[in-house]
Amino acid sequence: MTASAGIVSIIGGPLPTGPHRAIDEVIRTTAPMHDGFSGGAFVDTVGHLIGVTTAAAIRGLGVVIPAR
């Protein structure tokens, strides 16, 4: 098992993903997203699920799809 820690830097959207495509809502974090982290749980300090990590990274920020 592997874990990382970081700070939520932005909650918002949309996040452009290509021509005429975007993810409506995202969470960006400073937590490092290493290969293989895509699809992993993103939890708060008490273990509540906040979202799911993606393979996308923007200028060194991790991208999380909110779980609501």
Protein backbone atom coordinates (compact mmCIF):
# COMPACT_ATOMS: atom_id res chain seq x y z
CA MET A 1 0.00 0.00 0.00
CA THR A 2 1.17 3.51 -0.81
CA ALA A 3 -0.09 6.84 0.52
CA SER A 4 0.69 10.49 -0.13
CA ALA A 5 -0.24 13.70 1.64
CA GLY A 6 -0.97 17.08 0.14
CA ILE A 7 -3.07 20.21 0.31
CA VAL A 8 -6.27 20.81 -1.63
CA SER A 9 -5.42 23.84 -3.75
CA ILE A 10 -8.51 24.34 -5.93
CA ILE A 11 -12.08 23.07 -5.93
CA GLY A 12 -13.90 23.98 -9.11
CA GLY A 13 -14.05 23.47 -12.81
CA PRO A 14 -14.54 22.97 -15.58
CA LEU A 15 -11.24 21.32 -16.50
CA PRO A 16 -10.67 21.20 -20.28
CA THR A 17 -9.69 17.68 -21.38
CA GLY A 18 -9.70 18.14 -25.14
CA PRO A 19 -11.50 19.90 -27.97
CA HIS A 20 -15.10 20.52 -26.85
CA ARG A 21 -14.63 18.30 -23.75
CA ALA A 22 -14.27 19.10 -20.08
CA ILE A 23 -14.75 17.61 -16.64
CA ASP A 24 -17.40 19.73 -14.89
CA GLU A 25 -15.99 19.62 -11.37
CA VAL A 26 -12.52 18.73 -10.09
CA ILE A 27 -10.37 18.98 -7.00
CA ARG A 28 -6.73 19.87 -7.50
CA THR A 29 -4.20 18.90 -4.88
CA THR A 30 -0.48 19.17 -4.25
CA ALA A 31 -0.36 15.47 -3.31
CA PRO A 32 2.04 13.72 -5.70
CA MET A 33 0.25 11.48 -8.20
CA HIS A 34 2.63 8.69 -9.14
CA ASP A 35 2.09 6.14 -11.90
CA GLY A 36 -0.54 3.68 -10.78
CA PHE A 37 -2.44 6.14 -8.55
CA SER A 38 -5.21 6.63 -11.11
CA GLY A 39 -8.48 5.30 -9.75
CA GLY A 40 -7.30 5.38 -6.16
CA ALA A 41 -9.29 6.74 -3.26
CA PHE A 42 -8.66 10.33 -2.20
CA VAL A 43 -9.59 10.61 1.49
CA ASP A 44 -9.54 13.28 4.18
CA THR A 45 -7.64 13.03 7.44
CA VAL A 46 -10.33 10.91 9.11
CA GLY A 47 -10.76 8.53 6.17
CA HIS A 48 -13.89 9.90 4.48
CA LEU A 49 -13.89 9.42 0.71
CA ILE A 50 -13.53 12.77 -1.05
CA GLY A 51 -13.01 11.58 -4.62
CA VAL A 52 -11.10 9.39 -7.04
CA THR A 53 -7.67 10.27 -8.43
CA THR A 54 -7.08 10.54 -12.17
CA ALA A 55 -4.10 10.01 -14.41
CA ALA A 56 -4.21 13.69 -15.38
CA ALA A 57 -1.73 16.09 -13.86
CA ILE A 58 -1.59 19.82 -14.48
CA ARG A 59 1.59 21.74 -13.67
CA GLY A 60 2.44 19.30 -10.91
CA LEU A 61 -1.01 19.30 -9.31
CA GLY A 62 -2.97 16.12 -8.81
CA VAL A 63 -6.50 15.97 -10.20
CA VAL A 64 -9.37 14.30 -8.32
CA ILE A 65 -12.94 13.68 -9.48
CA PRO A 66 -15.27 14.48 -6.53
CA ALA A 67 -17.33 11.58 -5.15
CA ARG A 68 -20.68 13.28 -4.79
